[in-house]
Amino acid sequence: MDPDGMAKIVVDPGHGGQWLTGDPGAPSYDGTKWEKDFTLILGLKLGTLLVNDGHEVLYTRTMDVNPKLDDRINTANMNDADLFISIHF
């Protein structure tokens, strides 16, 4: 964290990727959406709020892809993140 109290934060919208090659997560109640869709929407909104509050934000994904778990963790570690937020429902 910098001296002004601003943090470097990694936002990790859980799941992601196409049906056969990715990990969609849990289905919505009516089966028309997947957890990956909601985590991405919330993750991007959260990141915007954090940036507007003065924090530096990095994302593990900003589109419908499914990064490997190690890649998600490495994003935080290689960038010396202060906080890692993994979003799931």
C-alpha atoms as a PDB file:
ATOM      1  CA  MET A   1       0.000   0.000   0.000  1.00  0.00           C
ATOM      2  CA  ASP A   2       1.344   3.415  -0.837  1.00  0.00           C
ATOM      3  CA  PRO A   3       1.799   6.107   1.838  1.00  0.00           C
ATOM      4  CA  ASP A   4      -1.550   7.700   0.945  1.00  0.00           C
ATOM      5  CA  GLY A   5      -3.389   4.471   1.744  1.00  0.00           C
ATOM      6  CA  MET A   6      -4.079   3.550  -1.881  1.00  0.00           C
ATOM      7  CA  ALA A   7      -3.837  -0.143  -2.626  1.00  0.00           C
ATOM      8  CA  LYS A   8      -2.966  -2.219  -5.652  1.00  0.00           C
ATOM      9  CA  ILE A   9      -5.918  -4.604  -5.960  1.00  0.00           C
ATOM     10  CA  VAL A  10      -6.405  -7.628  -8.197  1.00  0.00           C
ATOM     11  CA  VAL A  11     -10.052  -8.341  -9.026  1.00  0.00           C
ATOM     12  CA  ASP A  12     -10.620 -11.969 -10.035  1.00  0.00           C
ATOM     13  CA  PRO A  13     -14.031 -12.615 -11.610  1.00  0.00           C
ATOM     14  CA  GLY A  14     -14.367 -16.351 -11.038  1.00  0.00           C
ATOM     15  CA  HIS A  15     -14.903 -18.969 -13.737  1.00  0.00           C
ATOM     16  CA  GLY A  16     -15.064 -17.994 -17.417  1.00  0.00           C
ATOM     17  CA  GLY A  17     -14.609 -19.351 -20.903  1.00  0.00           C
ATOM     18  CA  GLN A  18     -16.742 -21.126 -23.431  1.00  0.00           C
ATOM     19  CA  TRP A  19     -18.911 -24.049 -22.365  1.00  0.00           C
ATOM     20  CA  LEU A  20     -16.769 -26.963 -23.584  1.00  0.00           C
ATOM     21  CA  THR A  21     -13.342 -25.494 -22.869  1.00  0.00           C
ATOM     22  CA  GLY A  22     -13.997 -23.237 -19.889  1.00  0.00           C
ATOM     23  CA  ASP A  23     -15.618 -23.301 -16.496  1.00  0.00           C
ATOM     24  CA  PRO A  24     -19.041 -21.636 -16.527  1.00  0.00           C
ATOM     25  CA  GLY A  25     -19.703 -22.104 -12.819  1.00  0.00           C
ATOM     26  CA  ALA A  26     -23.229 -22.588 -11.521  1.00  0.00           C
ATOM     27  CA  PRO A  27     -26.275 -21.942 -13.713  1.00  0.00           C
ATOM     28  CA  SER A  28     -28.815 -19.222 -12.956  1.00  0.00           C
ATOM     29  CA  TYR A  29     -32.183 -20.253 -11.566  1.00  0.00           C
ATOM     30  CA  ASP A  30     -33.775 -20.283 -15.033  1.00  0.00           C
ATOM     31  CA  GLY A  31     -30.687 -21.802 -16.699  1.00  0.00           C
ATOM     32  CA  THR A  32     -30.162 -18.946 -19.142  1.00  0.00           C
ATOM     33  CA  LYS A  33     -27.027 -17.443 -17.550  1.00  0.00           C
ATOM     34  CA  TRP A  34     -23.967 -18.762 -15.779  1.00  0.00           C
ATOM     35  CA  GLU A  35     -21.974 -17.743 -12.724  1.00  0.00           C
ATOM     36  CA  LYS A  36     -19.124 -16.645 -15.028  1.00  0.00           C
ATOM     37  CA  ASP A  37     -21.403 -13.958 -16.505  1.00  0.00           C
ATOM     38  CA  PHE A  38     -22.352 -12.482 -13.139  1.00  0.00           C
ATOM     39  CA  THR A  39     -18.822 -12.595 -11.715  1.00  0.00           C
ATOM     40  CA  LEU A  40     -17.488 -10.703 -14.740  1.00  0.00           C
ATOM     41  CA  ILE A  41     -20.196  -8.024 -14.563  1.00  0.00           C
ATOM     42  CA  LEU A  42     -19.656  -7.521 -10.827  1.00  0.00           C
ATOM     43  CA  GLY A  43     -15.864  -7.659 -11.132  1.00  0.00           C
ATOM     44  CA  LEU A  44     -15.747  -4.934 -13.765  1.00  0.00           C
ATOM     45  CA  LYS A  45     -18.137  -2.722 -11.764  1.00  0.00           C
ATOM     46  CA  LEU A  46     -16.135  -3.275  -8.577  1.00  0.00           C
ATOM     47  CA  GLY A  47     -12.916  -2.395 -10.387  1.00  0.00           C
ATOM     48  CA  THR A  48     -14.422   0.856 -11.644  1.00  0.00           C
ATOM     49  CA  LEU A  49     -15.508   1.799  -8.121  1.00  0.00           C
ATOM     50  CA  LEU A  50     -12.056   1.022  -6.745  1.00  0.00           C
ATOM     51  CA  VAL A  51     -10.309   3.046  -9.464  1.00  0.00           C
ATOM     52  CA  ASN A  52     -12.674   5.962  -8.806  1.00  0.00           C
ATOM     53  CA  ASP A  53     -11.627   5.724  -5.156  1.00  0.00           C
ATOM     54  CA  GLY A  54      -7.978   6.106  -6.176  1.00  0.00           C
ATOM     55  CA  HIS A  55      -6.787   2.498  -6.076  1.00  0.00           C
ATOM     56  CA  GLU A  56      -4.805   0.745  -8.774  1.00  0.00           C
ATOM     57  CA  VAL A  57      -6.790  -2.196 -10.148  1.00  0.00           C
ATOM     58  CA  LEU A  58      -5.637  -5.206 -12.138  1.00  0.00           C
ATOM     59  CA  TYR A  59      -7.972  -7.903 -13.438  1.00  0.00           C
ATOM     60  CA  THR A  60      -7.427 -11.602 -13.987  1.00  0.00           C
ATOM     61  CA  ARG A  61      -9.936 -11.382 -16.841  1.00  0.00           C
ATOM     62  CA  THR A  62     -11.980  -8.661 -18.540  1.00  0.00           C
ATOM     63  CA  MET A  63     -13.758 -10.893 -21.051  1.00  0.00           C
ATOM     64  CA  ASP A  64     -15.167 -14.404 -21.269  1.00  0.00           C
ATOM     65  CA  VAL A  65     -11.956 -16.403 -20.921  1.00  0.00           C
ATOM     66  CA  ASN A  66     -10.885 -18.903 -18.280  1.00  0.00           C
ATOM     67  CA  PRO A  67      -7.364 -18.180 -17.000  1.00  0.00           C
ATOM     68  CA  LYS A  68      -5.647 -21.056 -15.221  1.00  0.00           C
ATOM     69  CA  LEU A  69      -5.657 -20.813 -11.431  1.00  0.00           C
ATOM     70  CA  ASP A  70      -1.875 -20.371 -11.379  1.00  0.00           C
ATOM     71  CA  ASP A  71      -2.157 -17.480 -13.846  1.00  0.00           C
ATOM     72  CA  ARG A  72      -4.746 -15.794 -11.642  1.00  0.00           C
ATOM     73  CA  ILE A  73      -2.468 -16.060  -8.610  1.00  0.00           C
ATOM     74  CA  ASN A  74       0.607 -15.006 -10.586  1.00  0.00           C
ATOM     75  CA  THR A  75      -1.172 -11.814 -11.652  1.00  0.00           C
ATOM     76  CA  ALA A  76      -1.309 -10.802  -8.000  1.00  0.00           C
ATOM     77  CA  ASN A  77       2.135 -12.032  -7.004  1.00  0.00           C
ATOM     78  CA  MET A  78       4.057 -10.650  -9.992  1.00  0.00           C
ATOM     79  CA  ASN A  79       2.456  -7.225  -9.510  1.00  0.00           C
ATOM     80  CA  ASP A  80       2.963  -7.078  -5.729  1.00  0.00           C
ATOM     81  CA  ALA A  81      -0.761  -6.698  -5.114  1.00  0.00           C
ATOM     82  CA  ASP A  82      -1.951  -5.613  -1.689  1.00  0.00           C
ATOM     83  CA  LEU A  83      -5.299  -7.363  -2.044  1.00  0.00           C
ATOM     84  CA  PHE A  84      -6.757 -10.186  -4.161  1.00  0.00           C
ATOM     85  CA  ILE A  85     -10.547 -10.317  -4.499  1.00  0.00           C
ATOM     86  CA  SER A  86     -11.948 -13.511  -6.025  1.00  0.00           C
ATOM     87  CA  ILE A  87     -15.636 -13.237  -6.892  1.00  0.00           C
ATOM     88  CA  HIS A  88     -17.972 -16.223  -6.817  1.00  0.00           C
ATOM     89  CA  PHE A  89     -21.680 -16.770  -6.191  1.00  0.00           C
END
